[in-house]
Amino acid sequence: MTHAPFDLEVSHPEGSRILHCDAHPPIGDARQRGVVLVVHGFKGYKDYGMFPALAATCAAAGFAAIRFNLAHSGMTRDVERFARPDLFTLDTWLRQVHDIDTLVAAVRRGEAPGVLDSGPIVLLGHSRGGVASILAGGRDEGIDHVIAVSAPGATRGLEGLSEAELARLEANGTLETASARTGQVLAVGRAFFDEVDADPAGHDVEAHARRLGRRLSVIHGEADPTVPAEDAIRIATAAGGEAILVPEADHVFNVTNPHPGDATPSPQLAALQARIGEILDSVGKRG
């Protein structure tokens, strides 16, 4: 699948960071209908599992697609490991929103290679990336649509932690989390939780879903063992719509990692791709 790698600088309190991006032009000779930004989730990255396939889905629908690593994901272009675990520890919800906003602004300025600066802008976020996309879209009326896939129904501050987690956080200033993919032990910083407690309304997923209204589509696997499908129903209901539930689909729609964009999809991924294609066709027609 044809794509153009590019890097975008983004400013954060400690200094400049880099968003490592891959831009996929629309497939064929059709005029670009819009742009989709593909936002990964917790311990994810732009090349993980189904993301190349979802970018291909968007390109087939006539949309340019940009996969990118969030600045504090800990990932670079080295797909084998978290090369920057120090950055992972600094991550917060609003840092992710700022990354999304920065990329949206770059697209609107025509700074993404091979991507036109016209047409609707859509955020396609998976899991925690779905929440970040809802938080970004709820703040920016210029974002035309958000597709939240496998997204949790709430952010989590200190009150959402167990007594054991609170004790570890108090003792170490971080909470450790292991990556099953790389075997590395990563650390979530206290700022991630403190930010939610400092501004609960600004991190209220359902409130931002209400602001999005018809600009939000929610898709979830019925058999998701990581985030219950009830979360999707709550988010969609807040937006005044209905969640799209894919039968027998798990958190990653039964896709293993790696999964090249041109590989045969699982039935669950094929169902997800079909639904995304339908949504993008509707967004494209609205213009």
Protein backbone atom coordinates (compact mmCIF):
# COMPACT_ATOMS: atom_id res chain seq x y z
CA MET A 1 0.00 0.00 0.00
CA THR A 2 1.45 3.34 -1.06
CA HIS A 3 2.19 5.76 1.74
CA ALA A 4 4.48 8.71 2.43
CA PRO A 5 6.27 8.89 5.80
CA PHE A 6 6.67 12.36 7.29
CA ASP A 7 7.50 13.86 10.67
CA LEU A 8 5.67 16.74 12.32
CA GLU A 9 7.06 18.78 15.20
CA VAL A 10 4.75 19.40 18.14
CA SER A 11 5.42 21.61 21.15
CA HIS A 12 4.96 20.33 24.70
CA PRO A 13 5.94 21.87 28.07
CA GLU A 14 9.29 20.05 28.20
CA GLY A 15 10.15 20.93 24.61
CA SER A 16 9.54 19.85 21.03
CA ARG A 17 8.40 16.32 20.21
CA ILE A 18 7.92 14.51 16.93
CA LEU A 19 4.77 12.95 15.52
CA HIS A 20 5.92 10.14 13.23
CA CYS A 21 3.28 9.98 10.50
CA ASP A 22 2.43 7.92 7.41
CA ALA A 23 0.14 9.52 4.83
CA HIS A 24 -1.93 7.29 2.52
CA PRO A 25 -3.46 8.94 -0.56
CA PRO A 26 -6.88 7.86 -1.84
CA ILE A 27 -6.75 4.71 -3.95
CA GLY A 28 -7.31 5.26 -7.66
CA ASP A 29 -7.84 8.48 -9.54
CA ALA A 30 -10.85 9.75 -7.61
CA ARG A 31 -10.66 13.21 -6.11
CA GLN A 32 -9.85 13.23 -2.41
CA ARG A 33 -13.08 13.37 -0.39
CA GLY A 34 -11.50 14.27 2.96
CA VAL A 35 -8.84 13.25 5.48
CA VAL A 36 -8.92 10.62 8.23
CA LEU A 37 -6.48 10.72 11.15
CA VAL A 38 -5.99 7.25 12.65
CA VAL A 39 -5.34 7.50 16.41
CA HIS A 40 -3.89 4.48 18.25
CA GLY A 41 -4.59 3.50 21.85
CA PHE A 42 -2.72 2.66 25.06
CA LYS A 43 0.60 0.91 24.36
CA GLY A 44 -0.34 1.02 20.67
CA TYR A 45 1.33 2.64 17.67
CA LYS A 46 0.60 3.50 14.06
CA ASP A 47 1.83 0.16 12.63
CA TYR A 48 0.07 -2.06 15.16
CA GLY A 49 -2.35 -4.78 14.09
CA MET A 50 -5.30 -3.46 12.13
CA PHE A 51 -4.19 0.17 11.70
CA PRO A 52 -2.54 -0.29 8.27
CA ALA A 53 -5.70 -2.13 7.16
CA LEU A 54 -7.94 0.66 8.45
CA ALA A 55 -5.83 3.23 6.61
CA ALA A 56 -6.35 1.18 3.45
CA THR A 57 -10.10 1.16 4.13
CA CYS A 58 -10.14 4.94 4.33
CA ALA A 59 -8.05 5.26 1.15
CA ALA A 60 -10.43 2.92 -0.67
CA ALA A 61 -13.31 5.18 0.40
CA GLY A 62 -11.60 8.15 -1.29
CA PHE A 63 -10.16 9.67 1.88
CA ALA A 64 -6.50 10.37 2.53
CA ALA A 65 -5.49 8.62 5.75
CA ILE A 66 -2.74 9.57 8.19
CA ARG A 67 -1.53 7.04 10.74
CA PHE A 68 0.71 8.53 13.41
CA ASN A 69 2.37 7.82 16.73
CA LEU A 70 1.25 10.10 19.53
CA ALA A 71 4.22 12.12 20.81
CA HIS A 72 4.26 10.40 24.21
CA SER A 73 3.46 6.89 23.01
CA GLY A 74 7.09 5.93 23.59
CA MET A 75 7.24 4.68 19.99
CA THR A 76 9.41 5.96 17.16
CA ARG A 77 9.78 4.39 13.72
CA ASP A 78 11.38 1.40 15.44
CA VAL A 79 8.41 -0.98 15.55
CA GLU A 80 10.19 -3.60 17.65
CA ARG A 81 10.24 -1.74 20.96
CA PHE A 82 9.30 1.35 22.93
CA ALA A 83 12.43 3.36 22.18
CA ARG A 84 11.32 6.28 24.43
CA PRO A 85 9.74 4.88 27.60
CA ASP A 86 10.67 8.17 29.30
CA LEU A 87 8.13 9.96 27.09
CA PHE A 88 5.47 7.33 27.82
CA THR A 89 5.65 8.30 31.50
CA LEU A 90 4.81 11.94 30.70
CA ASP A 91 1.65 11.20 28.74
CA THR A 92 -1.77 12.65 29.63
CA TRP A 93 -5.14 12.92 27.89
CA LEU A 94 -4.67 16.58 27.00
CA ARG A 95 -1.21 15.94 25.56
CA GLN A 96 -2.87 13.48 23.20
CA VAL A 97 -5.56 16.03 22.35
CA HIS A 98 -2.83 18.60 21.67
CA ASP A 99 -1.09 16.17 19.30
CA ILE A 100 -4.34 15.62 17.43
CA ASP A 101 -5.01 19.37 17.26
CA THR A 102 -1.49 19.98 15.94
CA LEU A 103 -1.89 17.41 13.17
CA VAL A 104 -5.34 18.72 12.25
CA ALA A 105 -3.90 22.23 11.94
CA ALA A 106 -1.04 20.94 9.78
CA VAL A 107 -3.51 19.21 7.46
CA ARG A 108 -5.55 22.39 7.16
CA ARG A 109 -2.37 24.28 6.23
CA GLY A 110 -1.59 21.73 3.51
CA GLU A 111 1.58 20.49 5.24
CA ALA A 112 0.92 16.74 4.94
CA PRO A 113 2.62 15.33 1.82
CA GLY A 114 0.20 14.19 -0.85
CA VAL A 115 -2.81 15.25 1.22
CA LEU A 116 -5.10 18.05 0.06
CA ASP A 117 -6.17 20.66 2.61
CA SER A 118 -9.82 20.44 1.57
CA GLY A 119 -12.75 18.26 2.51
CA PRO A 120 -13.98 16.98 5.88
CA ILE A 121 -11.56 15.91 8.61
CA VAL A 122 -12.41 12.70 10.46
CA LEU A 123 -10.78 11.24 13.58
CA LEU A 124 -10.72 7.44 13.72
CA GLY A 125 -9.56 6.42 17.19
CA HIS A 126 -9.17 2.98 18.74
CA SER A 127 -9.54 2.28 22.46
CA ARG A 128 -7.85 5.09 24.40
CA GLY A 129 -7.31 6.77 21.03
CA GLY A 130 -11.08 6.74 20.63
CA VAL A 131 -11.45 8.63 23.91
CA ALA A 132 -8.75 11.14 22.92
CA SER A 133 -10.57 11.62 19.60
CA ILE A 134 -13.87 12.28 21.40
CA LEU A 135 -12.18 14.77 23.73
CA ALA A 136 -10.57 16.51 20.74
CA GLY A 137 -13.70 16.49 18.58
CA GLY A 138 -15.89 17.73 21.41
CA ARG A 139 -13.62 20.76 21.73
CA ASP A 140 -13.29 21.52 18.00
CA GLU A 141 -16.41 22.06 15.93
CA GLY A 142 -14.18 22.10 12.85
CA ILE A 143 -13.63 18.36 13.16
CA ASP A 144 -16.33 16.96 10.92
CA HIS A 145 -16.70 13.48 12.38
CA VAL A 146 -15.28 11.14 15.01
CA ILE A 147 -15.35 7.35 14.74
CA ALA A 148 -14.65 5.83 18.16
CA VAL A 149 -13.75 2.13 18.06
CA SER A 150 -13.50 0.00 21.24
CA ALA A 151 -13.43 3.19 23.33
CA PRO A 152 -13.79 3.19 27.14
CA GLY A 153 -16.72 5.16 28.49
CA ALA A 154 -14.73 7.21 30.98
CA THR A 155 -11.31 8.59 31.82
CA ARG A 156 -9.83 7.71 35.21
CA GLY A 157 -8.49 9.95 37.95
CA LEU A 158 -7.06 9.00 41.31
CA GLU A 159 -10.48 8.00 42.66
CA GLY A 160 -10.66 5.28 40.03
CA LEU A 161 -7.55 3.54 41.36
CA SER A 162 -7.52 0.65 43.80
CA GLU A 163 -5.90 1.02 47.23
CA ALA A 164 -2.93 -1.02 46.02
CA GLU A 165 -2.52 1.17 42.94
CA LEU A 166 -2.75 4.33 45.03
CA ALA A 167 -0.08 3.00 47.39
CA ARG A 168 2.28 2.22 44.48
CA LEU A 169 1.62 5.59 42.91
CA GLU A 170 2.32 7.34 46.21
CA ALA A 171 5.53 5.40 46.74
CA ASN A 172 6.94 5.57 43.22
CA GLY A 173 5.17 8.47 41.51
CA THR A 174 4.25 6.05 38.71
CA LEU A 175 2.24 2.92 38.01
CA GLU A 176 4.02 0.17 36.10
CA THR A 177 2.40 -1.58 33.16
CA ALA A 178 3.95 -4.39 31.14
CA SER A 179 3.91 -4.59 27.35
CA ALA A 180 3.02 -8.12 26.31
CA ARG A 181 4.33 -7.27 22.85
CA THR A 182 7.87 -6.20 23.78
CA GLY A 183 8.27 -7.48 27.33
CA GLN A 184 9.18 -3.98 28.50
CA VAL A 185 7.85 -2.56 31.75
CA LEU A 186 6.48 0.94 31.16
CA ALA A 187 5.46 3.54 33.72
CA VAL A 188 2.33 5.70 33.73
CA GLY A 189 3.07 8.99 35.48
CA ARG A 190 0.95 10.53 38.24
CA ALA A 191 0.17 13.50 35.98
CA PHE A 192 -2.07 11.24 33.90
CA PHE A 193 -4.46 10.82 36.84
CA ASP A 194 -4.00 14.27 38.40
CA GLU A 195 -5.01 15.94 35.14
CA VAL A 196 -8.41 14.23 35.23
CA ASP A 197 -9.00 15.17 38.87
CA ALA A 198 -8.05 18.79 38.18
CA ASP A 199 -10.66 19.12 35.40
CA PRO A 200 -13.31 16.37 35.54
CA ALA A 201 -15.68 18.21 33.17
CA GLY A 202 -12.94 18.60 30.57
CA HIS A 203 -12.37 14.84 30.65
CA ASP A 204 -16.03 13.76 30.70
CA VAL A 205 -16.38 11.38 27.75
CA GLU A 206 -20.18 11.39 27.70
CA ALA A 207 -20.34 15.20 27.89
CA HIS A 208 -18.02 15.50 24.88
CA ALA A 209 -20.09 12.85 23.09
CA ARG A 210 -23.16 15.03 23.63
CA ARG A 211 -21.32 17.99 22.11
CA LEU A 212 -20.42 15.89 19.09
CA GLY A 213 -23.96 14.61 18.57
CA ARG A 214 -24.41 13.32 15.03
CA ARG A 215 -20.71 13.96 14.38
CA LEU A 216 -19.90 10.83 16.44
CA SER A 217 -20.10 7.18 15.42
CA VAL A 218 -19.36 4.45 17.96
CA ILE A 219 -18.28 0.92 16.97
CA HIS A 220 -17.46 -1.88 19.41
CA GLY A 221 -16.90 -5.61 19.52
CA GLU A 222 -19.67 -7.51 21.30
CA ALA A 223 -17.09 -9.92 22.73
CA ASP A 224 -14.55 -7.27 23.81
CA PRO A 225 -12.88 -8.61 27.00
CA THR A 226 -10.93 -5.37 27.61
CA VAL A 227 -13.63 -2.69 27.38
CA PRO A 228 -17.24 -3.86 27.81
CA ALA A 229 -19.68 -3.17 25.01
CA GLU A 230 -21.87 -1.35 27.55
CA ASP A 231 -19.35 1.52 27.39
CA ALA A 232 -20.07 1.95 23.69
CA ILE A 233 -23.81 1.99 24.33
CA ARG A 234 -23.41 4.74 26.95
CA ILE A 235 -21.23 6.88 24.69
CA ALA A 236 -23.52 6.49 21.69
CA THR A 237 -26.62 7.19 23.77
CA ALA A 238 -25.04 10.40 25.08
CA ALA A 239 -24.51 11.48 21.47
CA GLY A 240 -28.13 10.72 20.62
CA GLY A 241 -27.36 7.67 18.51
CA GLU A 242 -26.87 3.92 18.69
CA ALA A 243 -23.66 1.95 19.03
CA ILE A 244 -22.68 -0.35 16.18
CA LEU A 245 -21.85 -3.72 17.79
CA VAL A 246 -19.88 -6.29 15.79
CA PRO A 247 -20.73 -9.90 16.73
CA GLU A 248 -17.89 -12.11 18.04
CA ALA A 249 -15.38 -9.24 17.79
CA ASP A 250 -12.79 -8.76 20.53
CA HIS A 251 -10.96 -5.53 21.46
CA VAL A 252 -8.83 -5.61 18.27
CA PHE A 253 -11.45 -7.25 16.03
CA ASN A 254 -9.67 -10.60 16.09
CA VAL A 255 -6.56 -9.27 14.34
CA THR A 256 -3.05 -10.40 15.23
CA ASN A 257 0.02 -8.16 15.15
CA PRO A 258 1.53 -7.56 12.64
CA HIS A 259 -1.26 -7.48 10.08
CA PRO A 260 -0.31 -5.83 6.77
CA GLY A 261 -2.93 -3.64 5.16
CA ASP A 262 -3.34 -6.03 2.23
CA ALA A 263 -3.63 -9.19 4.36
CA THR A 264 -6.87 -11.17 4.47
CA PRO A 265 -9.00 -9.64 7.24
CA SER A 266 -10.74 -11.58 9.96
CA PRO A 267 -14.53 -11.62 9.52
CA GLN A 268 -14.76 -9.18 12.42
CA LEU A 269 -12.24 -6.78 10.88
CA ALA A 270 -14.05 -7.03 7.54
CA ALA A 271 -17.27 -6.03 9.31
CA LEU A 272 -15.50 -3.08 10.97
CA GLN A 273 -14.03 -1.99 7.63
CA ALA A 274 -17.46 -2.16 5.98
CA ARG A 275 -19.01 -0.01 8.70
CA ILE A 276 -16.20 2.56 8.50
CA GLY A 277 -16.61 2.67 4.72
CA GLU A 278 -20.33 3.39 5.11
CA ILE A 279 -19.68 6.16 7.64
CA LEU A 280 -17.02 7.80 5.47
CA ASP A 281 -19.31 7.63 2.42
CA SER A 282 -21.97 9.48 4.42
CA VAL A 283 -19.47 12.07 5.67
CA GLY A 284 -18.11 12.54 2.14
CA LYS A 285 -21.59 13.19 0.78
CA ARG A 286 -22.24 15.78 3.50
CA GLY A 287 -18.97 17.44 2.51
